[in-house]
Amino acid sequence: MMSQWSLKLLAVFLSLIAIIAPIAEGKRMPTGNSHKEPPRPKIPKCGPAIAKCKTGTPSCVGKRPSCGQGGEFIKCPVPLTCA
């Protein structure tokens, strides 16, 4: 007959295996978004820098960059992208 201490140790060991096994198999990868947070909003970019608006706030609507409050982007030498 196993002692109570041995049964507790066995339960801890088996639970650790149950937690680690799916991660090792690649079925469940930790994403860093464990609290079901909404995805980050995309930001319009002018090359590597954040695009700036003359008026309004820069944002992306779908995959199109836009300025809030009917504003315009300050001229950018490269095409604006949403990233």
C-alpha atoms as a PDB file:
ATOM      1  CA  MET A   1       0.000   0.000   0.000  1.00  0.00           C
ATOM      2  CA  MET A   2       1.322   3.437  -0.953  1.00  0.00           C
ATOM      3  CA  SER A   3       1.505   6.115   1.654  1.00  0.00           C
ATOM      4  CA  GLN A   4      -0.462   9.346   1.329  1.00  0.00           C
ATOM      5  CA  TRP A   5       2.740  11.289   0.697  1.00  0.00           C
ATOM      6  CA  SER A   6       3.608   9.031  -2.252  1.00  0.00           C
ATOM      7  CA  LEU A   7       0.120   9.440  -3.734  1.00  0.00           C
ATOM      8  CA  LYS A   8       0.357  13.239  -3.505  1.00  0.00           C
ATOM      9  CA  LEU A   9       3.781  13.192  -5.148  1.00  0.00           C
ATOM     10  CA  LEU A  10       2.472  10.938  -7.922  1.00  0.00           C
ATOM     11  CA  ALA A  11      -0.520  13.252  -8.486  1.00  0.00           C
ATOM     12  CA  VAL A  12       1.753  16.305  -8.774  1.00  0.00           C
ATOM     13  CA  PHE A  13       4.073  14.513 -11.182  1.00  0.00           C
ATOM     14  CA  LEU A  14       1.205  13.316 -13.405  1.00  0.00           C
ATOM     15  CA  SER A  15      -0.393  16.768 -13.470  1.00  0.00           C
ATOM     16  CA  LEU A  16       2.914  18.328 -14.572  1.00  0.00           C
ATOM     17  CA  ILE A  17       3.140  15.806 -17.403  1.00  0.00           C
ATOM     18  CA  ALA A  18      -0.457  16.607 -18.396  1.00  0.00           C
ATOM     19  CA  ILE A  19       0.385  20.325 -18.568  1.00  0.00           C
ATOM     20  CA  ILE A  20       3.711  19.994 -20.413  1.00  0.00           C
ATOM     21  CA  ALA A  21       2.804  17.249 -22.933  1.00  0.00           C
ATOM     22  CA  PRO A  22       0.476  19.322 -25.207  1.00  0.00           C
ATOM     23  CA  ILE A  23       3.016  22.165 -25.316  1.00  0.00           C
ATOM     24  CA  ALA A  24       5.799  19.742 -26.282  1.00  0.00           C
ATOM     25  CA  GLU A  25       3.620  18.241 -29.036  1.00  0.00           C
ATOM     26  CA  GLY A  26       2.898  21.720 -30.398  1.00  0.00           C
ATOM     27  CA  LYS A  27      -0.857  21.417 -29.945  1.00  0.00           C
ATOM     28  CA  ARG A  28      -1.151  24.266 -27.495  1.00  0.00           C
ATOM     29  CA  MET A  29       1.337  27.082 -27.745  1.00  0.00           C
ATOM     30  CA  PRO A  30       1.360  29.867 -25.186  1.00  0.00           C
ATOM     31  CA  THR A  31       0.522  33.057 -27.087  1.00  0.00           C
ATOM     32  CA  GLY A  32       0.947  35.693 -24.414  1.00  0.00           C
ATOM     33  CA  ASN A  33      -2.687  36.660 -24.918  1.00  0.00           C
ATOM     34  CA  SER A  34      -3.986  34.408 -22.166  1.00  0.00           C
ATOM     35  CA  HIS A  35      -6.681  36.787 -20.921  1.00  0.00           C
ATOM     36  CA  LYS A  36      -8.616  36.844 -24.215  1.00  0.00           C
ATOM     37  CA  GLU A  37      -7.658  40.459 -24.814  1.00  0.00           C
ATOM     38  CA  PRO A  38      -8.785  42.047 -28.070  1.00  0.00           C
ATOM     39  CA  PRO A  39      -6.095  42.206 -30.757  1.00  0.00           C
ATOM     40  CA  ARG A  40      -3.957  45.326 -30.880  1.00  0.00           C
ATOM     41  CA  PRO A  41      -5.117  47.994 -33.317  1.00  0.00           C
ATOM     42  CA  LYS A  42      -3.005  48.336 -36.455  1.00  0.00           C
ATOM     43  CA  ILE A  43      -1.033  51.546 -36.852  1.00  0.00           C
ATOM     44  CA  PRO A  44      -0.352  53.291 -40.187  1.00  0.00           C
ATOM     45  CA  LYS A  45       3.366  53.338 -40.982  1.00  0.00           C
ATOM     46  CA  CYS A  46       5.425  55.568 -43.248  1.00  0.00           C
ATOM     47  CA  GLY A  47       8.349  53.220 -43.828  1.00  0.00           C
ATOM     48  CA  PRO A  48       9.565  52.181 -40.342  1.00  0.00           C
ATOM     49  CA  ALA A  49       8.085  55.271 -38.606  1.00  0.00           C
ATOM     50  CA  ILE A  50       4.511  55.866 -37.485  1.00  0.00           C
ATOM     51  CA  ALA A  51       2.577  57.980 -40.006  1.00  0.00           C
ATOM     52  CA  LYS A  52       1.359  61.380 -38.768  1.00  0.00           C
ATOM     53  CA  CYS A  53      -1.815  63.291 -39.603  1.00  0.00           C
ATOM     54  CA  LYS A  54      -2.214  67.054 -40.098  1.00  0.00           C
ATOM     55  CA  THR A  55      -5.465  66.778 -38.112  1.00  0.00           C
ATOM     56  CA  GLY A  56      -7.079  63.786 -36.476  1.00  0.00           C
ATOM     57  CA  THR A  57      -5.640  60.525 -35.245  1.00  0.00           C
ATOM     58  CA  PRO A  58      -3.934  57.978 -37.513  1.00  0.00           C
ATOM     59  CA  SER A  59      -5.576  54.548 -37.616  1.00  0.00           C
ATOM     60  CA  CYS A  60      -6.220  51.649 -39.974  1.00  0.00           C
ATOM     61  CA  VAL A  61      -9.694  50.803 -41.240  1.00  0.00           C
ATOM     62  CA  GLY A  62      -9.377  47.238 -42.435  1.00  0.00           C
ATOM     63  CA  LYS A  63      -6.103  47.349 -44.352  1.00  0.00           C
ATOM     64  CA  ARG A  64      -6.438  51.031 -45.346  1.00  0.00           C
ATOM     65  CA  PRO A  65      -4.667  53.771 -43.400  1.00  0.00           C
ATOM     66  CA  SER A  66      -6.863  56.747 -42.503  1.00  0.00           C
ATOM     67  CA  CYS A  67      -6.892  59.875 -40.346  1.00  0.00           C
ATOM     68  CA  GLY A  68      -9.731  60.488 -37.921  1.00  0.00           C
ATOM     69  CA  GLN A  69     -11.880  63.643 -38.027  1.00  0.00           C
ATOM     70  CA  GLY A  70     -11.462  63.982 -41.804  1.00  0.00           C
ATOM     71  CA  GLY A  71      -7.751  64.730 -41.524  1.00  0.00           C
ATOM     72  CA  GLU A  72      -4.975  64.122 -44.042  1.00  0.00           C
ATOM     73  CA  PHE A  73      -1.648  62.363 -43.714  1.00  0.00           C
ATOM     74  CA  ILE A  74       1.543  64.396 -43.833  1.00  0.00           C
ATOM     75  CA  LYS A  75       3.319  63.572 -47.113  1.00  0.00           C
ATOM     76  CA  CYS A  76       5.321  60.370 -47.024  1.00  0.00           C
ATOM     77  CA  PRO A  77       7.987  59.403 -49.629  1.00  0.00           C
ATOM     78  CA  VAL A  78       6.944  55.722 -49.470  1.00  0.00           C
ATOM     79  CA  PRO A  79       3.439  54.198 -49.610  1.00  0.00           C
ATOM     80  CA  LEU A  80       1.614  54.049 -46.269  1.00  0.00           C
ATOM     81  CA  THR A  81       1.063  50.576 -44.830  1.00  0.00           C
ATOM     82  CA  CYS A  82      -0.899  49.199 -41.885  1.00  0.00           C
ATOM     83  CA  ALA A  83       1.261  47.258 -39.408  1.00  0.00           C
END
